[in-house]
N, C-alpha and C. Protein backbone atom coordinates (compact mmCIF):
# COMPACT_ATOMS: atom_id res chain seq x y z
N UNK A 1 0.47 -1.07 -0.10
CA UNK A 1 0.07 0.19 -0.54
C UNK A 1 0.44 1.51 -0.43
N UNK A 2 0.33 2.20 -0.71
CA UNK A 2 1.22 3.13 -1.00
C UNK A 2 1.16 3.86 0.18
N UNK A 3 2.05 5.34 0.16
CA UNK A 3 2.23 5.50 2.12
C UNK A 3 2.73 6.97 1.31
N UNK A 4 1.46 8.26 2.07
CA UNK A 4 1.14 9.74 0.99
C UNK A 4 1.15 10.21 2.82
N UNK A 5 2.33 11.56 2.37
CA UNK A 5 2.31 12.30 3.14
C UNK A 5 1.59 13.78 2.69
N UNK A 6 1.24 14.18 3.40
CA UNK A 6 0.43 15.51 3.81
C UNK A 6 1.19 16.48 4.52
N UNK A 7 1.34 17.59 4.09
CA UNK A 7 1.83 18.46 5.08
C UNK A 7 1.28 19.94 4.13
N UNK A 8 -0.16 20.61 5.77
CA UNK A 8 -0.94 21.48 5.31
C UNK A 8 -1.29 21.84 6.80
N UNK A 9 -1.87 22.79 7.32
CA UNK A 9 -1.72 23.01 8.14
C UNK A 9 -3.29 24.35 8.68
N UNK A 10 -3.74 23.80 7.31
CA UNK A 10 -5.42 24.49 7.27
C UNK A 10 -6.18 23.05 7.49
N UNK A 11 -7.20 22.53 8.43
CA UNK A 11 -7.93 21.13 8.32
C UNK A 11 -8.93 20.92 7.73
N UNK A 12 -9.46 22.05 7.16
CA UNK A 12 -10.28 21.46 6.14
C UNK A 12 -9.78 21.79 4.93
N UNK A 13 -8.62 22.11 4.40
CA UNK A 13 -7.69 21.76 3.41
C UNK A 13 -7.22 19.56 2.97
N UNK A 14 -6.51 19.72 4.39
CA UNK A 14 -5.88 18.96 4.53
C UNK A 14 -6.91 17.20 4.68
N UNK A 15 -7.99 18.39 4.93
CA UNK A 15 -9.32 16.93 4.34
C UNK A 15 -9.74 16.58 3.19
N UNK A 16 -9.22 17.66 2.21
CA UNK A 16 -9.60 17.98 0.90
C UNK A 16 -8.92 17.04 0.52
N UNK A 17 -7.85 17.99 0.84
CA UNK A 17 -6.66 16.51 0.02
C UNK A 17 -6.41 14.55 0.33
N UNK A 18 -6.39 14.53 1.70
CA UNK A 18 -6.55 13.44 1.95
C UNK A 18 -8.03 13.00 1.15
N UNK A 19 -8.62 12.97 1.73
CA UNK A 19 -10.02 12.53 0.00
C UNK A 19 -9.74 12.97 -1.36
N UNK A 20 -8.91 13.01 -1.92
CA UNK A 20 -8.48 13.32 -3.42
C UNK A 20 -7.76 12.25 -3.24
N UNK A 21 -7.26 12.01 -2.26
CA UNK A 21 -5.70 11.04 -2.64
C UNK A 21 -6.19 9.56 -2.32
N UNK A 22 -7.31 9.60 -1.45
CA UNK A 22 -7.31 8.13 -1.75
C UNK A 22 -8.72 8.09 -2.56
N UNK A 23 -9.40 9.02 -3.31
CA UNK A 23 -9.82 8.32 -4.32
C UNK A 23 -8.68 8.24 -5.53
N UNK A 24 -8.37 9.05 -5.76
CA UNK A 24 -6.90 8.65 -6.65
C UNK A 24 -6.34 7.08 -6.52
N UNK A 25 -5.65 6.58 -4.96
CA UNK A 25 -5.04 5.01 -4.83
C UNK A 25 -6.33 5.00 -3.29
N UNK A 26 -7.26 4.52 -3.43
CA UNK A 26 -8.37 3.53 -2.74
C UNK A 26 -7.26 2.96 -1.26
N UNK A 27 -6.12 2.04 -1.47
CA UNK A 27 -5.92 1.59 -1.00
C UNK A 27 -4.69 2.01 0.04
N UNK A 28 -4.25 4.14 -0.92
CA UNK A 28 -3.59 4.03 0.35
C UNK A 28 -3.14 4.56 1.73
N UNK A 29 -2.03 4.63 2.27
CA UNK A 29 -1.83 4.80 3.73
C UNK A 29 -1.27 6.65 3.68
N UNK A 30 -2.55 7.39 4.14
CA UNK A 30 -2.07 8.64 4.43
C UNK A 30 -1.98 9.20 5.26
N UNK A 31 -0.86 9.67 5.55
CA UNK A 31 -0.17 10.36 7.08
C UNK A 31 -0.23 11.99 7.27
N UNK A 32 0.13 12.62 7.68
CA UNK A 32 -0.45 14.10 7.59
C UNK A 32 -0.01 14.65 8.59
N UNK A 33 0.53 16.35 8.13
CA UNK A 33 1.42 17.40 9.67
C UNK A 33 0.63 18.52 9.21
N UNK A 34 1.44 18.42 10.40
CA UNK A 34 0.38 20.61 10.73
C UNK A 34 1.50 21.36 10.49
N UNK A 35 2.89 20.98 10.57
CA UNK A 35 3.62 21.94 10.62
C UNK A 35 4.97 21.02 9.74
N UNK A 36 6.27 22.39 8.99
CA UNK A 36 7.58 21.49 8.56
C UNK A 36 8.03 20.61 9.61
N UNK A 37 8.23 20.80 10.84
CA UNK A 37 9.01 20.06 11.62
C UNK A 37 8.14 18.76 11.96
N UNK A 38 7.19 19.15 11.86
CA UNK A 38 5.72 17.25 12.40
C UNK A 38 5.96 16.49 10.49
N UNK A 39 6.21 17.30 9.54
CA UNK A 39 6.76 16.93 8.38
C UNK A 39 7.88 16.18 9.06
N UNK A 40 9.18 16.39 9.50
CA UNK A 40 10.28 15.68 9.23
C UNK A 40 10.56 14.40 10.25
N UNK A 41 9.31 14.66 11.07
CA UNK A 41 9.34 14.31 12.10
C UNK A 41 8.65 12.53 10.99
N UNK A 42 7.35 12.69 10.36
CA UNK A 42 6.88 11.98 9.51
C UNK A 42 8.21 11.28 8.38
N UNK A 43 8.61 12.67 7.93
CA UNK A 43 9.85 11.55 6.51
C UNK A 43 10.69 10.58 7.27
N UNK A 44 10.85 10.77 8.39
CA UNK A 44 11.98 10.31 9.43
C UNK A 44 11.09 8.61 8.98
N UNK A 45 10.06 9.32 10.41
CA UNK A 45 8.80 7.07 10.19
C UNK A 45 8.53 6.48 9.21
N UNK A 46 8.67 7.51 7.45
CA UNK A 46 8.64 6.96 6.44
C UNK A 46 9.23 6.99 5.51
N UNK A 47 10.46 6.94 5.49
CA UNK A 47 11.48 7.66 5.03
C UNK A 47 11.18 6.29 3.28
N UNK A 48 10.23 5.59 3.03
CA UNK A 48 9.88 5.48 1.58
C UNK A 48 8.59 5.45 0.96
N UNK A 49 7.94 6.67 1.92
CA UNK A 49 6.86 7.63 1.16
C UNK A 49 7.12 7.75 -0.01
N UNK A 50 6.02 7.94 -0.69
CA UNK A 50 5.89 7.54 -2.21
C UNK A 50 4.95 8.68 -2.64
N UNK A 51 4.80 10.20 -2.01
CA UNK A 51 4.04 11.09 -2.05
C UNK A 51 4.14 12.18 -1.57
N UNK A 52 4.36 13.30 -1.12
CA UNK A 52 4.51 14.17 -0.92
C UNK A 52 3.59 15.39 -1.12
N UNK A 53 2.15 16.26 -0.93
CA UNK A 53 1.46 16.98 -0.77
C UNK A 53 2.27 18.26 0.15
N UNK A 54 2.78 19.24 -0.41
CA UNK A 54 2.92 20.33 0.52
C UNK A 54 2.92 21.26 0.85
N UNK A 55 2.05 22.31 1.90
CA UNK A 55 1.61 23.74 1.11
C UNK A 55 2.57 24.77 1.24
N UNK A 56 2.59 25.60 0.58
CA UNK A 56 3.70 26.02 0.09
C UNK A 56 3.99 27.02 1.21
N UNK A 57 3.15 27.61 2.67
CA UNK A 57 3.12 28.58 3.91
C UNK A 57 2.47 27.67 4.55
N UNK A 58 3.47 27.21 5.69
CA UNK A 58 3.13 26.50 6.83
C UNK A 58 3.52 26.74 7.95
N UNK A 59 3.80 26.85 8.99
CA UNK A 59 4.57 26.73 10.01
C UNK A 59 5.62 25.99 9.86
N UNK A 60 7.28 26.47 10.06
CA UNK A 60 8.18 26.02 9.86
C UNK A 60 8.64 26.26 8.35
N UNK A 61 7.77 27.36 7.31
CA UNK A 61 8.06 26.82 6.12
C UNK A 61 7.69 28.71 5.61
N UNK A 62 8.79 29.26 4.73
CA UNK A 62 8.85 30.31 4.34
C UNK A 62 8.47 30.95 2.92
N UNK A 63 7.71 30.72 1.84
CA UNK A 63 8.27 30.61 0.61
C UNK A 63 8.24 29.00 0.27
N UNK A 64 9.71 28.90 -0.16
CA UNK A 64 10.40 27.50 -1.23
C UNK A 64 11.19 27.04 -0.63
N UNK A 65 11.06 27.21 0.57
CA UNK A 65 12.42 26.89 1.52
C UNK A 65 12.43 25.29 2.12
N UNK A 66 11.30 24.58 2.18
CA UNK A 66 10.47 23.94 2.62
C UNK A 66 11.34 22.93 1.49
N UNK A 67 10.07 23.24 0.29
CA UNK A 67 10.05 22.77 -0.96
C UNK A 67 11.97 22.19 -0.56
N UNK A 68 12.96 23.46 -0.89
CA UNK A 68 13.95 22.87 -1.30
C UNK A 68 14.10 22.41 -0.90
N UNK A 69 14.43 22.32 1.03
CA UNK A 69 15.58 21.39 1.54
C UNK A 69 14.79 20.80 1.63
N UNK A 70 13.93 20.08 1.52
CA UNK A 70 12.94 18.67 1.61
C UNK A 70 13.49 17.52 0.68
N UNK A 71 13.77 18.59 -0.90
CA UNK A 71 14.54 18.10 -2.23
C UNK A 71 15.40 17.66 -1.85
N UNK A 72 16.46 18.45 -1.75
CA UNK A 72 17.61 18.17 -1.50
C UNK A 72 17.99 17.08 -0.15
N UNK A 73 17.27 16.63 0.98
CA UNK A 73 17.27 15.52 1.71
C UNK A 73 16.74 14.62 1.75
N UNK A 74 15.36 14.43 0.48
CA UNK A 74 15.01 13.55 -0.39
C UNK A 74 14.66 13.67 -1.19
N UNK A 75 15.79 13.33 -2.41
CA UNK A 75 15.42 13.52 -3.42
C UNK A 75 14.14 12.82 -4.74
N UNK A 76 14.41 11.33 -4.11
CA UNK A 76 13.66 10.22 -4.38
C UNK A 76 12.19 10.69 -4.16
N UNK A 77 12.32 11.63 -3.41
CA UNK A 77 10.21 11.93 -2.72
C UNK A 77 10.21 13.04 -3.12
N UNK A 78 8.83 11.98 -4.65
CA UNK A 78 8.41 13.51 -5.34
C UNK A 78 7.00 14.26 -4.58
N UNK A 79 7.23 15.43 -5.40
CA UNK A 79 6.65 16.81 -3.89
C UNK A 79 5.29 17.33 -5.15
N UNK A 80 4.19 17.52 -4.57
CA UNK A 80 3.26 18.70 -4.70
C UNK A 80 3.11 19.55 -4.14
N UNK A 81 3.45 20.88 -5.34
CA UNK A 81 2.92 22.00 -3.61
C UNK A 81 1.82 22.26 -3.61
N UNK A 82 1.05 22.85 -3.67
CA UNK A 82 -0.06 23.19 -2.69
C UNK A 82 -0.16 24.88 -2.40
N UNK A 83 -1.14 25.18 -3.19
CA UNK A 83 -0.79 26.70 -2.82
C UNK A 83 -2.06 27.88 -3.31
N UNK A 84 -2.17 28.65 -2.48
CA UNK A 84 -3.44 29.87 -2.29
C UNK A 84 -3.37 30.54 -3.81
N UNK A 85 -1.99 30.77 -3.81
CA UNK A 85 -1.44 31.74 -5.25
C UNK A 85 -1.54 31.34 -6.45
N UNK A 86 -2.03 31.76 -7.54
CA UNK A 86 -2.56 31.50 -8.92
C UNK A 86 -1.99 32.29 -9.49
N UNK A 87 -0.77 32.43 -9.37
CA UNK A 87 0.62 33.27 -10.46
C UNK A 87 0.74 32.11 -11.06
N UNK A 88 0.94 32.28 -12.50
CA UNK A 88 1.76 31.21 -12.65
C UNK A 88 2.85 31.31 -12.51
N UNK A 89 3.73 32.38 -12.78
CA UNK A 89 4.95 32.60 -12.03
C UNK A 89 5.72 31.98 -11.37
N UNK A 90 4.67 32.10 -10.00
CA UNK A 90 4.32 31.34 -8.88
C UNK A 90 5.09 29.96 -8.91
N UNK A 91 4.20 29.04 -9.87
CA UNK A 91 3.50 27.93 -9.84
C UNK A 91 5.24 26.90 -10.71
N UNK A 92 5.69 28.32 -11.26
CA UNK A 92 6.98 27.64 -12.62
C UNK A 92 8.21 27.99 -11.45
N UNK A 93 7.95 28.26 -10.45
CA UNK A 93 9.40 28.73 -9.35
C UNK A 93 9.08 26.69 -9.11
N UNK A 94 7.70 26.86 -8.33
CA UNK A 94 8.37 25.54 -7.43
C UNK A 94 8.91 24.81 -8.60
N UNK A 95 8.26 24.67 -9.94
CA UNK A 95 8.86 23.44 -10.56
C UNK A 95 10.22 23.82 -10.67
N UNK A 96 10.71 24.64 -11.24
CA UNK A 96 11.80 24.43 -10.97
C UNK A 96 12.90 24.67 -9.85
N UNK A 97 11.83 24.65 -8.09
CA UNK A 97 12.62 24.57 -6.99
C UNK A 97 12.52 22.74 -7.53
N UNK A 98 11.88 22.07 -8.39
CA UNK A 98 11.58 20.72 -7.77
C UNK A 98 10.72 19.72 -7.65
N UNK A 99 9.01 20.71 -7.88
CA UNK A 99 7.98 20.27 -6.92
C UNK A 99 7.57 19.08 -8.55
N UNK A 100 7.09 18.58 -8.78
CA UNK A 100 6.85 17.42 -9.26
C UNK A 100 5.54 18.01 -10.29
N UNK A 101 4.25 19.21 -9.07
CA UNK A 101 3.20 19.41 -9.13
C UNK A 101 2.75 20.58 -9.10
N UNK A 102 1.88 21.53 -9.04
CA UNK A 102 1.31 22.22 -8.34
C UNK A 102 0.08 22.58 -8.42
N UNK A 103 -0.26 22.60 -7.31
CA UNK A 103 -2.25 23.16 -7.39
C UNK A 103 -2.05 24.05 -6.60
N UNK A 104 -3.43 25.25 -7.38
CA UNK A 104 -3.47 25.76 -6.83
C UNK A 104 -4.80 25.49 -5.24
N UNK A 105 -5.42 26.15 -4.63
CA UNK A 105 -5.81 25.56 -3.37
C UNK A 105 -7.48 25.99 -4.49
N UNK A 106 -7.64 25.97 -5.12
CA UNK A 106 -9.11 26.94 -5.86
C UNK A 106 -9.20 25.50 -6.42
N UNK A 107 -8.26 25.08 -6.78
CA UNK A 107 -8.49 23.51 -7.93
C UNK A 107 -9.81 22.48 -7.60
N UNK A 108 -10.52 21.92 -8.32
CA UNK A 108 -11.48 20.87 -8.10
C UNK A 108 -10.77 19.68 -7.93
N UNK A 109 -11.77 18.99 -6.76
CA UNK A 109 -10.92 18.15 -6.88
C UNK A 109 -10.53 16.93 -7.71
N UNK A 110 -11.57 16.58 -8.43
CA UNK A 110 -11.33 15.66 -9.40
C UNK A 110 -9.75 16.16 -10.64
N UNK A 111 -9.33 17.73 -10.37
CA UNK A 111 -7.80 17.89 -10.41
C UNK A 111 -7.23 17.63 -9.99
N UNK A 112 -7.67 17.22 -8.89
CA UNK A 112 -6.17 17.31 -7.65
C UNK A 112 -5.96 15.61 -8.14
N UNK A 113 -7.08 15.07 -8.00
CA UNK A 113 -6.89 13.77 -8.41
C UNK A 113 -5.68 13.58 -9.27
N UNK A 114 -6.16 14.12 -10.44
CA UNK A 114 -5.72 13.99 -11.65
C UNK A 114 -3.71 14.44 -11.77
N UNK A 115 -4.00 15.00 -11.21
CA UNK A 115 -2.35 15.97 -10.92
C UNK A 115 -1.28 14.72 -9.52
N UNK A 116 -2.25 14.31 -8.81
CA UNK A 116 -1.48 12.88 -8.37
C UNK A 116 -1.43 11.78 -9.24
N UNK A 117 -2.07 11.68 -9.67
CA UNK A 117 -2.61 10.54 -10.55
C UNK A 117 -1.34 10.62 -12.10
N UNK A 118 -1.20 11.22 -12.01
CA UNK A 118 -0.17 12.12 -13.15
C UNK A 118 1.19 11.54 -12.70
N UNK A 119 1.56 12.69 -11.17
CA UNK A 119 2.40 12.02 -10.51
C UNK A 119 3.03 10.94 -10.01
N UNK A 120 2.59 10.47 -9.91
CA UNK A 120 2.76 8.71 -9.56
C UNK A 120 3.65 7.82 -10.62
N UNK A 121 3.25 8.78 -11.71
CA UNK A 121 3.25 7.89 -13.32
C UNK A 121 4.43 8.76 -13.52
N UNK A 122 4.84 9.36 -12.93
CA UNK A 122 5.90 9.80 -13.60
C UNK A 122 5.72 11.13 -14.44
N UNK A 123 5.23 12.17 -14.52
CA UNK A 123 4.73 13.26 -15.46
C UNK A 123 4.74 14.25 -13.91
N UNK A 124 4.63 15.59 -14.65
CA UNK A 124 4.71 17.04 -14.07
C UNK A 124 3.15 17.34 -14.36
N UNK A 125 2.89 18.35 -13.81
CA UNK A 125 1.82 18.53 -13.47
C UNK A 125 1.51 19.99 -13.69
N UNK A 126 0.60 20.75 -13.87
CA UNK A 126 0.09 22.39 -13.56
C UNK A 126 -0.98 22.16 -14.45
N UNK A 127 -2.22 22.87 -13.47
CA UNK A 127 -3.54 23.24 -14.12
C UNK A 127 -3.51 24.45 -15.35
N UNK A 128 -4.49 23.65 -16.33
CA UNK A 128 -4.43 24.22 -17.77
C UNK A 128 -4.01 25.83 -17.88
N UNK A 129 -4.43 26.66 -16.80
CA UNK A 129 -4.38 28.18 -16.56
C UNK A 129 -2.60 28.61 -16.36
N UNK A 130 -2.46 27.39 -16.19
CA UNK A 130 -0.67 27.84 -15.49
C UNK A 130 0.55 27.29 -16.14
N UNK A 131 -0.25 26.38 -17.22
CA UNK A 131 0.97 25.73 -18.14
C UNK A 131 1.06 27.33 -19.29
N UNK A 132 1.95 26.95 -19.59
CA UNK A 132 3.44 27.87 -20.44
C UNK A 132 4.20 28.71 -19.62
N UNK A 133 5.36 28.43 -20.67
CA UNK A 133 5.95 30.08 -20.16
C UNK A 133 7.40 28.70 -19.78
N UNK A 134 9.03 29.77 -19.15
CA UNK A 134 10.26 28.56 -18.87
C UNK A 134 10.24 28.84 -16.73
N UNK A 135 10.82 27.50 -16.81
CA UNK A 135 10.78 27.58 -15.04
C UNK A 135 11.99 27.32 -15.09
N UNK A 136 12.30 28.97 -14.54
CA UNK A 136 14.17 28.88 -14.58
C UNK A 136 14.34 29.71 -13.02
N UNK A 137 15.28 30.11 -12.70
CA UNK A 137 15.27 30.76 -11.24
C UNK A 137 17.00 31.45 -11.76
N UNK A 138 16.49 32.88 -11.15
CA UNK A 138 17.71 33.62 -11.17
C UNK A 138 18.91 33.02 -10.32
N UNK A 139 20.40 33.08 -10.80
CA UNK A 139 21.38 32.70 -10.42
C UNK A 139 21.76 33.07 -8.97
N UNK A 140 20.97 33.82 -8.55
CA UNK A 140 21.35 34.09 -6.75
C UNK A 140 20.43 32.90 -5.98
N UNK A 141 18.93 32.79 -6.78
CA UNK A 141 17.95 32.22 -6.30
C UNK A 141 18.44 30.31 -6.19
N UNK A 142 18.84 30.31 -7.15
CA UNK A 142 19.67 28.40 -7.34
C UNK A 142 20.42 28.54 -6.70
N UNK A 143 21.43 30.47 -6.66
CA UNK A 143 23.27 29.87 -4.87
C UNK A 143 22.17 28.45 -4.18
N UNK A 144 21.47 29.76 -3.57
CA UNK A 144 20.82 29.96 -1.72
C UNK A 144 19.84 29.07 -1.84
N UNK A 145 19.36 28.23 -2.57
CA UNK A 145 18.67 27.49 -2.67
C UNK A 145 19.63 25.49 -2.42
N UNK A 146 20.23 25.74 -3.59
CA UNK A 146 21.86 24.72 -3.01
C UNK A 146 21.97 24.85 -1.73
N UNK A 147 21.82 26.14 -1.40
CA UNK A 147 23.15 26.07 0.33
C UNK A 147 22.22 25.49 0.93
N UNK A 148 20.86 26.02 1.16
CA UNK A 148 19.85 25.96 1.97
C UNK A 148 19.78 23.88 1.36
N UNK A 149 20.45 23.22 0.98
CA UNK A 149 20.04 21.87 -0.03
C UNK A 149 20.59 21.67 1.30
N UNK A 150 21.76 21.90 1.46
CA UNK A 150 23.04 21.29 2.22
C UNK A 150 23.01 21.44 3.32
N UNK A 151 22.11 21.92 4.23
CA UNK A 151 21.88 22.19 5.75
C UNK A 151 21.10 20.53 5.96
N UNK A 152 21.97 20.78 7.29
CA UNK A 152 20.58 19.38 8.02
C UNK A 152 19.43 19.67 8.27
N UNK A 153 18.50 18.73 9.16
CA UNK A 153 17.49 19.52 9.47
C UNK A 153 17.04 20.50 10.53
N UNK A 154 18.31 19.99 11.74
CA UNK A 154 18.76 21.03 12.67
C UNK A 154 18.36 22.61 12.02
N UNK A 155 19.60 22.15 11.26
CA UNK A 155 20.37 23.83 11.09
C UNK A 155 18.95 24.07 10.45
N UNK A 156 18.31 23.61 9.25
CA UNK A 156 17.49 24.43 8.37
C UNK A 156 16.32 24.93 9.58
N UNK A 157 15.79 23.72 10.21
CA UNK A 157 15.12 24.59 11.43
C UNK A 157 15.28 25.46 12.15
N UNK A 158 16.92 25.60 13.07
CA UNK A 158 17.17 26.73 12.97
C UNK A 158 16.88 27.90 12.17
N UNK A 159 17.35 28.39 11.58
CA UNK A 159 17.46 29.02 9.99
C UNK A 159 15.86 29.17 10.34
N UNK A 160 15.17 28.86 9.68
CA UNK A 160 13.68 28.70 9.15
C UNK A 160 13.20 30.00 10.59
N UNK A 161 13.60 29.60 11.88
CA UNK A 161 13.50 30.50 13.63
C UNK A 161 14.31 31.69 13.11
N UNK A 162 14.86 31.94 12.55
CA UNK A 162 15.85 32.90 12.46
C UNK A 162 15.13 34.30 11.59
N UNK A 163 14.31 33.62 10.18
CA UNK A 163 14.04 33.93 9.39
C UNK A 163 12.67 34.96 9.62
N UNK A 164 12.04 33.84 11.22
CA UNK A 164 10.81 34.50 11.32
C UNK A 164 10.89 35.15 12.84
N UNK A 165 12.40 35.76 13.26
CA UNK A 165 12.45 36.67 14.53
C UNK A 165 13.27 36.16 15.77
N UNK A 166 13.21 35.11 16.20
CA UNK A 166 13.03 34.28 16.81
C UNK A 166 15.26 34.88 17.37
N UNK A 167 15.53 34.79 18.93
CA UNK A 167 16.54 35.47 19.18
C UNK A 167 16.94 34.12 19.96
N UNK A 168 18.34 33.89 20.10
CA UNK A 168 19.00 32.43 20.35
C UNK A 168 18.08 32.08 21.71
N UNK A 169 18.17 32.42 22.54
CA UNK A 169 17.66 32.30 23.57
C UNK A 169 16.70 31.37 23.35
N UNK A 170 15.05 31.95 22.87
CA UNK A 170 13.86 31.51 22.35
C UNK A 170 14.10 30.43 21.27
N UNK A 171 15.16 30.24 20.32
CA UNK A 171 15.51 29.62 19.47
C UNK A 171 15.47 28.01 20.35
N UNK A 172 16.54 28.82 21.38
CA UNK A 172 17.54 27.11 22.82
C UNK A 172 16.36 26.34 22.84
N UNK A 173 14.99 27.47 23.47
CA UNK A 173 14.12 27.53 24.08
C UNK A 173 12.85 25.97 23.68
N UNK A 174 12.73 26.26 21.85
CA UNK A 174 12.26 25.46 21.45
C UNK A 174 12.89 24.19 21.23
N UNK A 175 14.26 24.48 20.89
CA UNK A 175 14.66 23.16 20.82
C UNK A 175 15.21 21.99 21.65
N UNK A 176 15.31 22.50 22.50
CA UNK A 176 15.43 21.89 24.23
C UNK A 176 16.94 22.03 24.04
N UNK A 177 17.17 22.45 23.66
CA UNK A 177 19.59 23.34 23.54
C UNK A 177 19.76 23.83 24.19
N UNK A 178 20.98 23.83 24.86
CA UNK A 178 21.64 25.33 24.84
C UNK A 178 22.02 26.69 23.98
N UNK A 179 21.65 27.67 24.89
CA UNK A 179 22.41 28.65 23.53
C UNK A 179 23.78 28.48 22.61
N UNK A 180 24.52 27.40 23.35
CA UNK A 180 26.18 27.42 22.50
C UNK A 180 25.22 26.75 21.96
N UNK A 181 24.67 25.69 21.39
CA UNK A 181 24.11 24.78 20.70
C UNK A 181 23.73 25.56 19.48
N UNK A 182 23.42 26.19 19.68
CA UNK A 182 22.59 27.23 18.95
C UNK A 182 23.39 28.21 18.04
N UNK A 183 24.55 28.71 18.69
CA UNK A 183 25.81 29.66 18.08
C UNK A 183 25.82 28.67 17.71
N UNK A 184 26.49 27.28 18.21
CA UNK A 184 26.89 26.11 16.69
C UNK A 184 26.37 26.38 15.38
N UNK A 185 25.12 26.07 15.74
CA UNK A 185 24.03 25.39 14.53
C UNK A 185 24.54 26.85 13.91
N UNK A 186 24.68 28.14 14.26
CA UNK A 186 24.67 29.92 13.63
C UNK A 186 26.18 29.95 12.71
N UNK A 187 27.16 29.12 13.74
CA UNK A 187 27.98 29.51 12.75
C UNK A 187 27.96 28.55 11.45
N UNK A 188 27.91 27.22 12.09
CA UNK A 188 27.72 26.00 10.77
C UNK A 188 26.40 26.91 8.97
N UNK A 189 25.37 27.68 9.53
CA UNK A 189 24.71 28.08 9.25
C UNK A 189 25.39 29.22 7.73
N UNK A 190 25.79 30.44 8.92
CA UNK A 190 26.65 31.16 8.31
C UNK A 190 27.79 30.67 7.02
N UNK A 191 28.27 29.42 7.73
CA UNK A 191 29.52 29.57 6.53
C UNK A 191 29.18 28.56 5.41
N UNK A 192 27.37 28.00 6.01
CA UNK A 192 27.32 27.42 4.51
C UNK A 192 26.14 28.24 3.31
N UNK A 193 25.93 28.74 3.80
CA UNK A 193 25.37 29.70 3.04
C UNK A 193 25.88 30.80 2.53
N UNK A 194 26.99 31.06 3.28
CA UNK A 194 28.87 32.44 2.20
C UNK A 194 27.61 33.47 2.81
N UNK A 195 27.62 33.62 4.10
CA UNK A 195 27.38 34.81 4.67
C UNK A 195 28.24 35.06 6.39
N UNK A 196 27.87 36.29 6.73
CA UNK A 196 28.99 36.81 7.47
C UNK A 196 27.72 36.76 9.60
N UNK A 197 26.80 37.36 9.24
CA UNK A 197 26.35 37.73 10.41
C UNK A 197 24.32 36.96 10.35
N UNK A 198 23.85 36.83 10.98
CA UNK A 198 22.60 37.06 11.52
C UNK A 198 21.50 37.76 10.50
N UNK A 199 21.88 38.87 10.32
CA UNK A 199 20.84 39.43 9.03
C UNK A 199 20.86 39.03 7.63
N UNK A 200 22.45 39.03 7.55
CA UNK A 200 22.71 38.28 6.51
C UNK A 200 21.44 37.63 5.83
N UNK A 201 21.69 35.48 7.05
CA UNK A 201 21.31 35.13 7.10
C UNK A 201 19.94 34.75 6.83
N UNK A 202 19.01 35.37 7.32
CA UNK A 202 17.35 36.28 7.51
C UNK A 202 17.25 36.86 5.72
N UNK A 203 18.32 37.51 5.26
CA UNK A 203 18.20 38.03 3.71
C UNK A 203 18.31 37.24 2.63
N UNK A 204 19.59 35.98 3.26
CA UNK A 204 19.62 34.75 2.18
C UNK A 204 18.27 34.07 2.14
N UNK A 205 17.56 34.15 2.93
CA UNK A 205 16.64 33.09 3.20
C UNK A 205 14.91 33.94 2.86
N UNK A 206 15.66 34.60 2.51
CA UNK A 206 14.03 35.96 2.14
C UNK A 206 14.50 35.84 0.82
N UNK A 207 15.35 35.69 0.10
CA UNK A 207 15.26 34.99 -1.18
C UNK A 207 14.70 33.98 -1.87
N UNK A 208 14.17 33.27 -1.34
CA UNK A 208 12.73 31.96 -0.98
C UNK A 208 11.93 32.18 -0.77
N UNK A 209 11.05 33.11 -0.59
CA UNK A 209 10.32 33.63 -0.45
C UNK A 209 9.14 34.01 -1.76
N UNK A 210 7.91 33.37 -1.53
CA UNK A 210 7.42 33.99 -3.00
C UNK A 210 7.71 35.39 -3.70
N UNK A 211 7.18 36.74 -2.42
CA UNK A 211 7.63 37.66 -3.33
C UNK A 211 8.60 38.03 -1.82
N UNK A 212 9.67 37.77 -2.64
CA UNK A 212 11.68 38.31 -1.80
C UNK A 212 11.27 39.68 -1.56
N UNK A 213 10.49 40.52 -2.70
CA UNK A 213 11.36 42.06 -2.53
C UNK A 213 10.49 42.46 -1.30
N UNK A 214 8.55 41.78 -0.91
CA UNK A 214 8.17 42.35 0.50
C UNK A 214 8.78 41.77 1.80
N UNK A 215 9.64 41.10 1.83
CA UNK A 215 10.75 41.11 3.11
C UNK A 215 11.32 41.78 3.49
N UNK A 216 11.46 42.10 4.69
CA UNK A 216 12.37 43.45 5.08
C UNK A 216 13.60 42.51 5.50
N UNK A 217 14.54 43.28 5.99
CA UNK A 217 16.10 42.51 6.38
C UNK A 217 15.23 42.37 8.36
N UNK A 218 15.81 41.46 9.41
CA UNK A 218 15.46 41.16 10.52
C UNK A 218 16.94 42.34 11.65
N UNK A 219 15.58 42.83 12.61
CA UNK A 219 16.88 42.78 13.99
C UNK A 219 17.91 42.30 13.81
N UNK A 220 19.10 42.22 14.05
CA UNK A 220 19.96 41.89 14.44
C UNK A 220 19.99 41.17 15.93
N UNK A 221 20.17 40.28 16.41
CA UNK A 221 20.20 39.39 18.17
C UNK A 221 20.68 40.02 18.76
N UNK A 222 20.31 40.35 19.96
CA UNK A 222 20.55 41.07 21.22
C UNK A 222 22.50 40.89 21.52
N UNK A 223 22.25 39.57 21.23
CA UNK A 223 24.34 39.67 21.69
C UNK A 223 24.71 39.99 20.21
N UNK A 224 24.08 40.19 19.17
CA UNK A 224 24.77 40.68 18.00
C UNK A 224 25.25 39.53 16.99
N UNK A 225 24.27 38.28 17.35
CA UNK A 225 25.00 37.20 16.60
C UNK A 225 24.33 37.04 15.36
């Protein structure tokens, strides 16, 4: 029986996706998570899952960051991105970052079923209104995506918390580790991203936002990290 993972923080849409999965694959075992961090626990538990349906915006994810990191860590896992964004450019960037399909949340249930079947057959799927155009990334975005993909899961979690504006002591509390451990993660993250300070880390991560220009630099940590 195929294992299908769903990551979406909206219960109603998560239920709709589950119904679509079961319509496409009646024998499927469906596992769901409400956050990116819950999703990583699921993937660790089911490393041979057949498909992931991933909300573009959910706790622990900023834009394409979770897609990029999961593709880097689990390259054999097909990913369908689901999102409230209807713009063709948003969909094309998702495909360029490695998604096998892009489903706007306005998509009818039967079309979601078609998308799931297409991806499991090895195809790439877009709704008809978004077909066309080239899926290319700007060099800076492609570079930062490759660097984010190389982070460990714990480093990625720290990165998302930095992007959310959490300070080191808050991150340490959330992760149940010491501030010294968080600082060690920060050092590794800065090295892998090729930056020198906390603000530059946040700016680098913002390149994977759906609307990069709309994101402002975050304040420097009170300890100067």
